[in-house]
Protein backbone atom coordinates (compact mmCIF):
# COMPACT_ATOMS: atom_id res chain seq x y z
CA UNK A 1 73.39 33.63 -85.33
CA UNK A 2 72.28 31.93 -82.15
CA UNK A 3 68.57 31.14 -81.99
CA UNK A 4 66.50 32.52 -79.12
CA UNK A 5 65.24 30.06 -76.59
CA UNK A 6 61.60 29.39 -77.55
CA UNK A 7 60.55 28.97 -73.91
CA UNK A 8 61.25 32.55 -72.79
CA UNK A 9 61.87 35.99 -74.16
CA UNK A 10 65.44 37.33 -74.28
CA UNK A 11 64.40 40.22 -72.01
CA UNK A 12 63.42 37.86 -69.21
CA UNK A 13 66.01 37.56 -66.43
CA UNK A 14 65.08 33.91 -66.18
CA UNK A 15 66.51 33.26 -69.61
CA UNK A 16 69.99 33.27 -68.10
CA UNK A 17 68.91 30.61 -65.60
CA UNK A 18 66.45 28.41 -67.50
CA UNK A 19 67.20 26.35 -70.59
CA UNK A 20 64.15 24.58 -72.02
CA UNK A 21 64.73 21.56 -74.18
CA UNK A 22 63.49 21.87 -77.76
CA UNK A 23 61.94 18.42 -77.50
CA UNK A 24 61.30 17.77 -73.81
CA UNK A 25 60.68 14.21 -72.73
CA UNK A 26 57.14 13.92 -71.44
CA UNK A 27 56.04 11.55 -68.73
CA UNK A 28 52.64 9.90 -68.53
CA UNK A 29 50.77 8.48 -65.56
CA UNK A 30 48.46 6.54 -67.92
CA UNK A 31 45.35 7.77 -66.15
CA UNK A 32 42.23 5.94 -67.35
CA UNK A 33 39.69 8.12 -69.18
CA UNK A 34 36.55 9.24 -67.44
CA UNK A 35 33.92 6.54 -67.18
CA UNK A 36 31.26 9.13 -68.00
CA UNK A 37 30.10 9.77 -71.56
CA UNK A 38 29.59 13.52 -71.40
CA UNK A 39 27.65 13.77 -74.67
CA UNK A 40 25.16 11.10 -73.63
CA UNK A 41 24.94 12.57 -70.16
CA UNK A 42 24.22 16.05 -71.53
CA UNK A 43 21.53 14.68 -73.80
CA UNK A 44 19.97 12.74 -70.94
CA UNK A 45 19.99 15.71 -68.55
CA UNK A 46 18.65 18.10 -71.17
CA UNK A 47 15.67 15.81 -71.72
CA UNK A 48 14.62 15.97 -68.07
CA UNK A 49 11.38 17.91 -67.85
CA UNK A 50 10.67 20.55 -65.25
CA UNK A 51 7.26 19.00 -64.60
CA UNK A 52 8.87 16.30 -62.48
CA UNK A 53 9.05 18.79 -59.61
CA UNK A 54 5.29 18.61 -59.21
CA UNK A 55 2.54 21.13 -58.61
CA UNK A 56 3.94 24.22 -56.77
CA UNK A 57 0.59 24.80 -55.05
CA UNK A 58 0.57 21.26 -53.68
CA UNK A 59 4.21 21.63 -52.62
CA UNK A 60 3.44 24.81 -50.67
CA UNK A 61 0.40 23.16 -49.08
CA UNK A 62 2.51 20.20 -47.91
CA UNK A 63 5.21 22.55 -46.66
CA UNK A 64 2.65 24.46 -44.60
CA UNK A 65 1.45 21.19 -43.11
CA UNK A 66 4.98 20.18 -42.12
CA UNK A 67 5.59 23.61 -40.55
CA UNK A 68 2.39 23.22 -38.56
CA UNK A 69 3.75 19.97 -37.12
CA UNK A 70 6.94 21.74 -36.12
CA UNK A 71 5.06 24.58 -34.47
CA UNK A 72 2.84 22.14 -32.61
CA UNK A 73 5.86 20.18 -31.40
CA UNK A 74 7.64 23.35 -30.27
CA UNK A 75 4.69 24.22 -28.01
CA UNK A 76 4.68 20.81 -26.33
CA UNK A 77 6.56 19.68 -23.25
CA UNK A 78 8.03 16.46 -24.66
CA UNK A 79 11.58 17.48 -25.51
CA UNK A 80 12.53 14.06 -26.80
CA UNK A 81 9.62 14.16 -29.27
CA UNK A 82 10.78 17.59 -30.46
CA UNK A 83 14.32 16.35 -30.99
CA UNK A 84 13.18 13.23 -32.82
CA UNK A 85 11.15 15.34 -35.23
CA UNK A 86 14.09 17.67 -35.86
CA UNK A 87 16.43 14.71 -36.35
CA UNK A 88 14.03 13.07 -38.80
CA UNK A 89 13.67 16.25 -40.85
CA UNK A 90 17.42 16.83 -40.97
CA UNK A 91 18.10 13.28 -42.07
CA UNK A 92 15.35 13.48 -44.70
CA UNK A 93 17.03 16.58 -46.14
CA UNK A 94 14.19 19.09 -45.71
CA UNK A 95 15.29 20.93 -42.57
CA UNK A 96 16.65 23.83 -44.64
CA UNK A 97 13.06 24.90 -45.33
CA UNK A 98 12.48 25.44 -41.62
CA UNK A 99 15.75 26.85 -40.30
CA UNK A 100 14.12 29.42 -38.02
CA UNK A 101 11.60 26.97 -36.58
CA UNK A 102 14.26 24.36 -35.90
CA UNK A 103 16.65 26.93 -34.43
CA UNK A 104 13.88 28.00 -32.05
CA UNK A 105 13.26 24.41 -30.92
CA UNK A 106 16.95 23.68 -30.38
CA UNK A 107 17.48 26.96 -28.52
CA UNK A 108 14.59 26.21 -26.18
CA UNK A 109 15.90 22.68 -25.56
CA UNK A 110 19.39 24.01 -24.89
CA UNK A 111 18.13 26.61 -22.41
CA UNK A 112 15.82 24.30 -20.50
CA UNK A 113 18.45 21.89 -19.19
CA UNK A 114 22.12 22.00 -18.18
CA UNK A 115 24.62 21.92 -21.08
CA UNK A 116 25.83 18.59 -19.78
CA UNK A 117 23.64 15.91 -21.37
CA UNK A 118 23.41 13.04 -18.92
CA UNK A 119 21.40 9.97 -18.13
CA UNK A 120 19.99 11.58 -14.96
CA UNK A 121 18.84 14.83 -16.61
CA UNK A 122 17.35 13.32 -19.77
CA UNK A 123 15.80 10.20 -18.29
CA UNK A 124 17.58 7.64 -20.44
CA UNK A 125 20.69 7.18 -22.55
CA UNK A 126 18.81 7.49 -25.85
CA UNK A 127 17.39 10.94 -25.03
CA UNK A 128 20.72 12.18 -23.65
CA UNK A 129 22.61 10.95 -26.73
CA UNK A 130 20.07 12.46 -29.14
CA UNK A 131 20.08 15.83 -27.35
CA UNK A 132 23.87 15.88 -27.32
CA UNK A 133 24.24 14.97 -31.01
CA UNK A 134 21.69 17.46 -32.32
CA UNK A 135 22.84 20.35 -30.13
CA UNK A 136 26.55 19.85 -30.80
CA UNK A 137 25.95 19.28 -34.51
CA UNK A 138 24.09 22.59 -34.69
CA UNK A 139 26.74 24.59 -32.84
CA UNK A 140 25.63 24.53 -29.20
CA UNK A 141 28.25 24.07 -26.48
CA UNK A 142 27.23 20.82 -24.79
CA UNK A 143 28.90 17.73 -23.40
CA UNK A 144 27.80 14.17 -22.73
CA UNK A 145 28.52 12.81 -19.28
CA UNK A 146 27.69 9.72 -17.27
CA UNK A 147 28.61 6.07 -17.00
CA UNK A 148 27.56 4.69 -20.36
CA UNK A 149 29.57 1.48 -20.13
CA UNK A 150 26.86 -0.48 -18.37
CA UNK A 151 25.87 -4.05 -19.26
CA UNK A 152 22.19 -3.10 -19.55
CA UNK A 153 23.06 -0.68 -22.37
CA UNK A 154 24.08 -3.59 -24.55
CA UNK A 155 20.62 -5.08 -24.14
CA UNK A 156 18.92 -1.97 -25.56
CA UNK A 157 19.71 -1.71 -29.26
CA UNK A 158 17.99 1.70 -29.74
CA UNK A 159 20.00 3.35 -26.97
CA UNK A 160 23.18 1.74 -28.22
CA UNK A 161 22.61 3.00 -31.76
CA UNK A 162 21.92 6.60 -30.68
CA UNK A 163 24.93 6.67 -28.36
CA UNK A 164 27.11 5.14 -31.08
CA UNK A 165 26.13 7.89 -33.54
CA UNK A 166 26.60 10.61 -30.90
CA UNK A 167 30.10 9.40 -30.05
CA UNK A 168 31.38 10.50 -33.48
CA UNK A 169 30.89 14.14 -32.51
CA UNK A 170 33.38 13.85 -29.67
CA UNK A 171 36.29 16.24 -29.25
CA UNK A 172 39.85 15.08 -28.89
CA UNK A 173 39.89 14.99 -25.09
CA UNK A 174 36.52 13.24 -24.66
CA UNK A 175 37.86 9.76 -24.09
CA UNK A 176 34.64 8.54 -22.48
CA UNK A 177 32.85 8.92 -25.81
CA UNK A 178 35.63 7.06 -27.60
CA UNK A 179 35.19 4.19 -25.15
CA UNK A 180 31.41 4.34 -25.54
CA UNK A 181 31.78 4.06 -29.32
CA UNK A 182 33.71 0.80 -29.06
CA UNK A 183 31.41 -0.51 -26.33
CA UNK A 184 28.25 0.24 -28.34
CA UNK A 185 29.67 -1.13 -31.59
CA UNK A 186 30.45 -4.46 -29.93
CA UNK A 187 27.05 -4.59 -28.26
CA UNK A 188 25.18 -3.77 -31.48
CA UNK A 189 27.04 -6.47 -33.40
CA UNK A 190 26.07 -9.03 -30.77
CA UNK A 191 22.42 -7.96 -30.87
CA UNK A 192 22.10 -7.94 -34.68
CA UNK A 193 20.65 -11.46 -35.03
CA UNK A 194 17.84 -10.70 -32.55
CA UNK A 195 16.84 -7.30 -33.96
CA UNK A 196 13.71 -6.76 -36.00
CA UNK A 197 14.54 -6.23 -39.70
CA UNK A 198 13.94 -2.47 -39.89
CA UNK A 199 16.18 -1.67 -36.92
CA UNK A 200 18.78 -4.19 -38.09
CA UNK A 201 19.01 -2.34 -41.41
CA UNK A 202 19.64 0.96 -39.56
CA UNK A 203 22.30 -0.59 -37.33
CA UNK A 204 24.15 -2.24 -40.24
CA UNK A 205 24.05 1.09 -42.09
CA UNK A 206 25.48 2.95 -39.08
CA UNK A 207 28.20 0.39 -38.40
CA UNK A 208 29.26 0.54 -42.05
CA UNK A 209 29.70 4.34 -41.88
CA UNK A 210 28.41 6.67 -39.16
CA UNK A 211 25.91 9.39 -39.94
CA UNK A 212 28.40 12.17 -39.20
CA UNK A 213 30.72 10.96 -41.98
CA UNK A 214 28.15 10.47 -44.73
CA UNK A 215 27.37 12.65 -47.73
CA UNK A 216 24.14 14.53 -46.86
CA UNK A 217 22.26 13.90 -50.11
CA UNK A 218 23.22 10.24 -50.39
CA UNK A 219 22.20 9.78 -46.77
CA UNK A 220 18.90 11.56 -47.42
CA UNK A 221 18.16 9.25 -50.35
CA UNK A 222 18.81 6.18 -48.19
CA UNK A 223 16.88 7.51 -45.19
CA UNK A 224 13.82 8.40 -47.29
CA UNK A 225 13.46 4.74 -48.25
CA UNK A 226 14.16 3.62 -44.69
CA UNK A 227 11.58 6.06 -43.31
CA UNK A 228 8.96 5.00 -45.86
CA UNK A 229 9.37 1.33 -44.95
CA UNK A 230 8.52 2.08 -41.32
CA UNK A 231 4.82 2.49 -42.06
CA UNK A 232 3.72 2.43 -38.42
CA UNK A 233 5.95 5.39 -37.43
CA UNK A 234 6.20 7.46 -40.61
CA UNK A 235 4.23 10.63 -41.28
CA UNK A 236 2.70 10.36 -44.76
CA UNK A 237 2.31 14.11 -45.19
CA UNK A 238 5.98 14.62 -44.35
CA UNK A 239 6.94 11.77 -46.67
CA UNK A 240 5.04 13.30 -49.61
CA UNK A 241 6.71 16.64 -49.01
CA UNK A 242 10.14 15.01 -48.76
CA UNK A 243 9.75 13.14 -52.05
CA UNK A 244 8.70 16.29 -53.90
CA UNK A 245 11.52 18.29 -52.38
CA UNK A 246 14.13 15.65 -53.16
CA UNK A 247 13.18 15.67 -56.85
CA UNK A 248 13.18 19.47 -56.86
CA UNK A 249 16.68 19.67 -55.37
CA UNK A 250 17.89 16.89 -57.65
CA UNK A 251 16.68 18.85 -60.68
CA UNK A 252 18.64 21.91 -59.49
CA UNK A 253 21.80 19.79 -59.12
CA UNK A 254 21.30 18.28 -62.57
CA UNK A 255 20.97 21.73 -64.14
CA UNK A 256 24.22 22.74 -62.47
CA UNK A 257 25.90 19.62 -63.80
CA UNK A 258 24.76 20.49 -67.32
CA UNK A 259 26.43 23.91 -67.02
CA UNK A 260 29.63 22.31 -65.71
CA UNK A 261 29.76 19.79 -68.56
CA UNK A 262 29.24 22.58 -71.11
CA UNK A 263 31.97 24.62 -69.41
CA UNK A 264 34.43 21.77 -69.77
CA UNK A 265 33.53 21.20 -73.42
CA UNK A 266 33.68 24.91 -74.26
CA UNK A 267 37.06 25.42 -72.60
CA UNK A 268 38.46 22.36 -74.39
CA UNK A 269 40.25 21.11 -71.27
CA UNK A 270 39.93 17.50 -72.38
CA UNK A 271 41.71 18.22 -75.67
CA UNK A 272 44.35 20.57 -74.22
CA UNK A 273 45.19 18.36 -71.25
CA UNK A 274 45.21 14.86 -72.68
CA UNK A 275 47.56 13.81 -69.89
CA UNK A 276 45.32 14.87 -66.97
CA UNK A 277 42.77 13.17 -64.78
CA UNK A 278 39.25 13.92 -65.95
CA UNK A 279 37.37 13.96 -62.66
CA UNK A 280 34.74 16.64 -63.17
CA UNK A 281 31.90 14.42 -61.96
CA UNK A 282 33.81 13.48 -58.82
CA UNK A 283 34.61 17.15 -58.19
CA UNK A 284 30.93 18.05 -58.44
CA UNK A 285 30.03 15.25 -56.04
CA UNK A 286 32.67 16.55 -53.62
CA UNK A 287 31.26 20.09 -53.85
CA UNK A 288 27.77 18.69 -53.35
CA UNK A 289 28.96 16.99 -50.18
CA UNK A 290 30.28 20.29 -48.83
CA UNK A 291 27.29 22.48 -49.67
CA UNK A 292 24.18 20.88 -51.16
CA UNK A 293 21.36 23.34 -50.45
CA UNK A 294 19.71 24.49 -53.72
CA UNK A 295 20.23 28.20 -53.01
CA UNK A 296 24.03 27.70 -52.94
CA UNK A 297 24.36 26.69 -56.58
CA UNK A 298 27.00 29.30 -57.60
CA UNK A 299 29.20 28.25 -54.69
CA UNK A 300 28.80 24.58 -55.64
CA UNK A 301 29.67 25.19 -59.30
CA UNK A 302 32.71 27.30 -58.43
CA UNK A 303 33.98 24.65 -56.00
CA UNK A 304 33.64 21.97 -58.67
CA UNK A 305 35.50 24.07 -61.25
CA UNK A 306 38.30 25.00 -58.85
CA UNK A 307 38.77 21.41 -57.71
CA UNK A 308 38.89 20.22 -61.31
CA UNK A 309 41.47 22.88 -62.26
CA UNK A 310 43.55 22.05 -59.17
CA UNK A 311 43.67 18.44 -60.33
CA UNK A 312 44.90 19.64 -63.73
CA UNK A 313 47.53 21.80 -62.05
CA UNK A 314 48.63 18.88 -59.89
CA UNK A 315 49.09 16.70 -62.98
CA UNK A 316 51.13 19.43 -64.68
CA UNK A 317 53.53 19.52 -61.73
CA UNK A 318 53.62 15.83 -60.90
CA UNK A 319 53.54 14.27 -64.35
CA UNK A 320 53.71 16.35 -67.50
CA UNK A 321 55.77 19.48 -66.99
CA UNK A 322 59.56 19.59 -67.25
CA UNK A 323 61.64 21.19 -64.52
CA UNK A 324 62.48 24.19 -66.71
CA UNK A 325 58.84 24.76 -67.61
CA UNK A 326 57.70 24.46 -64.02
CA UNK A 327 60.26 27.04 -62.85
CA UNK A 328 58.84 29.51 -65.36
CA UNK A 329 55.26 28.58 -64.52
CA UNK A 330 55.75 28.91 -60.76
CA UNK A 331 57.40 32.29 -61.14
CA UNK A 332 54.57 33.48 -63.39
CA UNK A 333 51.88 32.35 -60.97
CA UNK A 334 53.74 34.02 -58.10
CA UNK A 335 53.63 37.42 -59.84
CA UNK A 336 49.97 36.96 -60.89
CA UNK A 337 50.29 39.10 -64.01
CA UNK A 338 47.64 39.07 -66.71
CA UNK A 339 50.29 39.11 -69.44
CA UNK A 340 53.46 37.42 -68.17
CA UNK A 341 56.68 38.30 -69.96
CA UNK A 342 57.66 34.64 -70.28
CA UNK A 343 56.43 32.69 -73.28
CA UNK A 344 54.94 29.63 -71.63
CA UNK A 345 54.21 26.37 -73.42
CA UNK A 346 50.78 26.14 -75.05
CA UNK A 347 49.34 23.71 -72.48
CA UNK A 348 50.16 26.14 -69.64
């Protein structure tokens, strides 16, 4: 009597087409194991106390003080000062507390001047570049016009830095901004030796990777230290609030990471998929770069899980699965049945 193929049921029409080997040859990409010790990491994260967030009453008091500064700035006539405050709060990672206040400031700035940010309208290149970057970043239809390739621009490191950062928000057909980016980069590199240390640190940081390309939370962590070092221009009340908020958000992210690590251990993915890339931590960091605000935790966790499972699926197709198994697997996924009629291998 002929034995039934163990990879599919006789009733499946695919049985006439697919012949699975009884002992399929498996490939291996020899992926290195994760550099993270999940057990030690879980123990470390579980031992983090909730008291690190600080006194809620003090936090609310500081938050009210920061909002008062925003309201006061919104009533003033100095648009550049308004934009600098908004930019500082966004880079420090606390702007999400004041979305309505900031939206009101940006809307008033957008409506008070033409949508074309220019040297003539804003008074100087730095103000025009800052207005353009903040408005375009926050969804307003603006453009940046003017002759920015002037020799005197290279002698002003602050203007060059702001224009350099703004140029990374250019659209495909804005060639002037592409030229300004190269022009400013060359000028900033030439001026580096003569800059004061604090500004030099900011310029080196920007030339290494522009603000628009950076991960928000990593950038916030760096900018908090940079802001604190500038004692003559930093607002101590804002700095206290930022430090408390950063620890609060960090605690939320750590709690999410604990749930993700437990999910991986409970599902046994590491044992079932010994051939796959274990990149759960990297997937969580990627999700955190897409959406980091504390109130979006479920979205962040789901993104991390999906990305991790997609990596597993990619390894099944690219490395581990045989052609016969993958034909069955692809057909099963295409039908999206809860109980497929094919008998798939255990690891699938």
